[in-house]
Amino acid sequence: MILTDKKFIRFLLVFAATFLFFYFAAQFITGLAVPGGSYSKFVEKYVDVAGWLRSSLIVATKMFVTLFGINAVRTDEYVLRIINANGIRIVYSCLGFGVMSFWIAYIVATVAKLKSKVKWLLGGLVIIWIINVIRISMVLVAGNKGWKFPFGWDHHTWFNIVAYCAIFAMMYFFEKEIKKVQVHGS
């Protein structure tokens, strides 16, 4: 399907507005949830998305490395450590809000049925989260084994490459599904 100029401009505007909203909302809420500055006890207790995401990543990483016989322990809300070895600290930049905001913005800006959008939005976020769990697991193990990432690139760069490749693949299949629905009307 060839987009008309108005449809393309609408897509770009909705995409940009949605991306900026989610990207900066995550930073704003995180700022309110951390003691100091504009701290809000309510936000920390009920809306700390960064804390929830960090906890889910740490718990899942611990479970994932356990599958490979590696015993890890969470030493505080930010740190996962291999028992009797080094650990990793999961900070805001490790959470993947930029990549997730990109995916959300793409889905919101695309013209499709709500049911399809919700399915793809949630599925895509889960895939991005799984990629992040694998990345964090690799960083934990690599740091203790003295392994280096290929080409001297850091784990954030590799996460972005893999996550955006996954996003582009999901975009392809999402667009394919939209076209199929348009052609067959189901």
Protein backbone atom coordinates (compact mmCIF):
# COMPACT_ATOMS: atom_id res chain seq x y z
CA MET A 1 0.00 0.00 0.00
CA ILE A 2 1.39 3.39 -1.00
CA LEU A 3 0.79 6.04 1.62
CA THR A 4 -0.61 9.37 0.54
CA ASP A 5 1.25 12.43 1.74
CA LYS A 6 -1.46 13.21 4.33
CA LYS A 7 -1.41 9.66 5.72
CA PHE A 8 2.38 9.68 5.89
CA ILE A 9 2.48 13.07 7.61
CA ARG A 10 -0.20 11.88 10.05
CA PHE A 11 1.84 8.74 10.75
CA LEU A 12 5.01 10.77 11.38
CA LEU A 13 3.26 13.25 13.66
CA VAL A 14 1.51 10.56 15.71
CA PHE A 15 4.70 8.49 15.84
CA ALA A 16 6.83 11.44 17.01
CA ALA A 17 4.28 12.64 19.57
CA THR A 18 3.75 9.15 20.98
CA PHE A 19 7.47 8.39 21.13
CA LEU A 20 8.26 11.65 22.89
CA PHE A 21 5.36 11.21 25.31
CA PHE A 22 6.33 7.69 26.41
CA TYR A 23 10.09 8.32 26.40
CA PHE A 24 9.89 11.46 28.54
CA ALA A 25 6.99 10.22 30.68
CA ALA A 26 9.17 7.27 31.74
CA GLN A 27 11.95 9.68 32.73
CA PHE A 28 9.53 12.01 34.50
CA ILE A 29 7.87 9.23 36.51
CA THR A 30 11.26 7.74 37.36
CA GLY A 31 12.40 11.15 38.58
CA LEU A 32 9.39 11.37 40.87
CA ALA A 33 9.92 7.84 42.21
CA VAL A 34 13.53 8.41 43.31
CA PRO A 35 14.09 10.17 46.67
CA GLY A 36 15.46 13.69 46.35
CA GLY A 37 14.47 16.50 44.01
CA SER A 38 10.76 16.24 43.14
CA TYR A 39 10.22 12.96 44.98
CA SER A 40 6.68 11.65 45.40
CA LYS A 41 6.07 8.82 47.85
CA PHE A 42 2.78 8.05 46.02
CA VAL A 43 4.56 7.67 42.65
CA GLU A 44 7.29 5.53 44.21
CA LYS A 45 4.71 3.24 45.79
CA TYR A 46 2.12 2.99 42.99
CA VAL A 47 3.61 4.16 39.67
CA ASP A 48 7.31 3.25 39.74
CA VAL A 49 7.39 1.63 36.31
CA ALA A 50 11.20 1.73 36.19
CA GLY A 51 11.41 -0.10 39.52
CA TRP A 52 8.92 -2.75 38.41
CA LEU A 53 10.72 -3.23 35.10
CA ARG A 54 14.12 -3.41 36.81
CA SER A 55 12.83 -6.00 39.29
CA SER A 56 11.31 -8.13 36.53
CA LEU A 57 14.57 -8.02 34.57
CA ILE A 58 16.65 -8.99 37.60
CA VAL A 59 14.32 -11.83 38.64
CA ALA A 60 14.09 -13.17 35.08
CA THR A 61 17.85 -12.89 34.54
CA LYS A 62 18.46 -14.78 37.77
CA MET A 63 16.08 -17.53 36.62
CA PHE A 64 17.61 -17.60 33.12
CA VAL A 65 21.23 -17.97 34.27
CA THR A 66 20.11 -20.66 36.73
CA LEU A 67 19.07 -22.75 33.70
CA PHE A 68 22.76 -22.84 32.80
CA GLY A 69 23.90 -23.85 36.29
CA ILE A 70 24.91 -20.35 37.38
CA ASN A 71 23.84 -19.39 40.89
CA ALA A 72 23.06 -15.71 41.24
CA VAL A 73 21.66 -13.63 44.04
CA ARG A 74 19.97 -10.24 44.13
CA THR A 75 21.91 -8.18 46.66
CA ASP A 76 19.74 -5.05 46.50
CA GLU A 77 17.10 -3.48 44.25
CA TYR A 78 19.71 -2.71 41.55
CA VAL A 79 22.30 -5.49 41.76
CA LEU A 80 22.40 -9.12 40.63
CA ARG A 81 25.57 -11.00 41.52
CA ILE A 82 26.88 -14.45 40.75
CA ILE A 83 27.49 -16.09 44.12
CA ASN A 84 31.14 -15.57 45.16
CA ALA A 85 31.81 -13.55 42.00
CA ASN A 86 31.11 -10.21 40.32
CA GLY A 87 27.69 -8.77 39.66
CA ILE A 88 25.93 -6.19 37.56
CA ARG A 89 24.02 -3.07 38.47
CA ILE A 90 20.82 -2.45 36.49
CA VAL A 91 20.42 1.31 36.11
CA TYR A 92 17.85 3.34 34.18
CA SER A 93 19.76 3.17 30.89
CA CYS A 94 19.59 -0.65 31.02
CA LEU A 95 15.79 -0.78 31.08
CA GLY A 96 15.18 -0.22 27.36
CA PHE A 97 12.61 2.58 27.58
CA GLY A 98 13.85 4.15 24.32
CA VAL A 99 13.40 0.94 22.34
CA MET A 100 10.02 0.24 23.97
CA SER A 101 8.88 3.82 23.28
CA PHE A 102 9.82 3.37 19.62
CA TRP A 103 7.73 0.17 19.38
CA ILE A 104 4.76 1.72 21.17
CA ALA A 105 4.91 4.79 18.92
CA TYR A 106 5.02 2.67 15.78
CA ILE A 107 1.99 0.60 16.82
CA VAL A 108 -0.02 3.64 17.92
CA ALA A 109 0.76 5.53 14.67
CA THR A 110 -0.16 2.62 12.40
CA VAL A 111 -3.70 2.31 11.12
CA ALA A 112 -5.04 -1.09 12.22
CA LYS A 113 -7.83 -2.57 14.30
CA LEU A 114 -7.51 -2.03 18.03
CA LYS A 115 -7.44 -5.76 18.82
CA SER A 116 -4.53 -6.27 16.43
CA LYS A 117 -2.69 -3.24 17.81
CA VAL A 118 -3.03 -4.44 21.41
CA LYS A 119 -1.86 -7.96 20.49
CA TRP A 120 1.18 -6.68 18.61
CA LEU A 121 1.97 -3.97 21.16
CA LEU A 122 2.05 -6.41 24.09
CA GLY A 123 3.78 -9.16 22.10
CA GLY A 124 6.46 -6.75 20.93
CA LEU A 125 7.08 -5.42 24.42
CA VAL A 126 7.48 -8.98 25.70
CA ILE A 127 9.97 -9.75 22.91
CA ILE A 128 11.98 -6.60 23.72
CA TRP A 129 11.92 -7.56 27.41
CA ILE A 130 13.17 -11.10 26.60
CA ILE A 131 15.99 -9.66 24.48
CA ASN A 132 16.93 -7.46 27.43
CA VAL A 133 16.92 -10.42 29.85
CA ILE A 134 19.24 -12.33 27.50
CA ARG A 135 21.50 -9.26 27.16
CA ILE A 136 21.72 -8.76 30.93
CA SER A 137 22.43 -12.47 31.41
CA MET A 138 25.23 -12.28 28.86
CA VAL A 139 26.71 -9.20 30.53
CA LEU A 140 26.62 -10.94 33.92
CA VAL A 141 28.35 -14.06 32.62
CA ALA A 142 30.77 -12.21 30.30
CA GLY A 143 31.88 -9.94 33.13
CA ASN A 144 32.79 -12.93 35.26
CA LYS A 145 34.44 -14.91 32.46
CA GLY A 146 36.41 -11.94 31.10
CA TRP A 147 34.70 -12.17 27.71
CA LYS A 148 34.56 -9.13 25.46
CA PHE A 149 31.67 -8.19 23.20
CA PRO A 150 32.41 -8.42 19.46
CA PHE A 151 33.92 -5.43 17.64
CA GLY A 152 34.58 -3.69 20.96
CA TRP A 153 30.97 -2.47 21.07
CA ASP A 154 29.33 -2.27 24.48
CA HIS A 155 26.27 -4.24 25.53
CA HIS A 156 23.95 -1.23 25.09
CA THR A 157 24.94 -0.98 21.42
CA TRP A 158 24.40 -4.71 20.92
CA PHE A 159 21.04 -4.55 22.69
CA ASN A 160 19.92 -1.72 20.42
CA ILE A 161 21.06 -3.58 17.29
CA VAL A 162 19.30 -6.81 18.25
CA ALA A 163 16.18 -5.06 19.58
CA TYR A 164 15.76 -2.87 16.49
CA CYS A 165 16.32 -5.86 14.19
CA ALA A 166 13.54 -7.62 16.10
CA ILE A 167 11.35 -4.52 15.84
CA PHE A 168 11.87 -4.26 12.09
CA ALA A 169 11.01 -7.95 11.72
CA MET A 170 7.87 -7.43 13.84
CA MET A 171 6.96 -4.38 11.75
CA TYR A 172 7.20 -6.49 8.61
CA PHE A 173 4.87 -9.18 9.99
CA PHE A 174 2.51 -6.59 11.50
CA GLU A 175 2.20 -4.81 8.14
CA LYS A 176 1.69 -8.16 6.43
CA GLU A 177 -1.16 -8.95 8.84
CA ILE A 178 -2.75 -5.52 8.24
CA LYS A 179 -2.66 -6.04 4.47
CA LYS A 180 -4.15 -9.52 4.83
CA VAL A 181 -7.03 -8.12 6.91
CA GLN A 182 -7.60 -5.33 4.39
CA VAL A 183 -7.67 -7.79 1.47
CA HIS A 184 -9.77 -10.49 3.14
CA GLY A 185 -11.77 -8.22 5.41
CA SER A 186 -11.42 -10.42 8.49
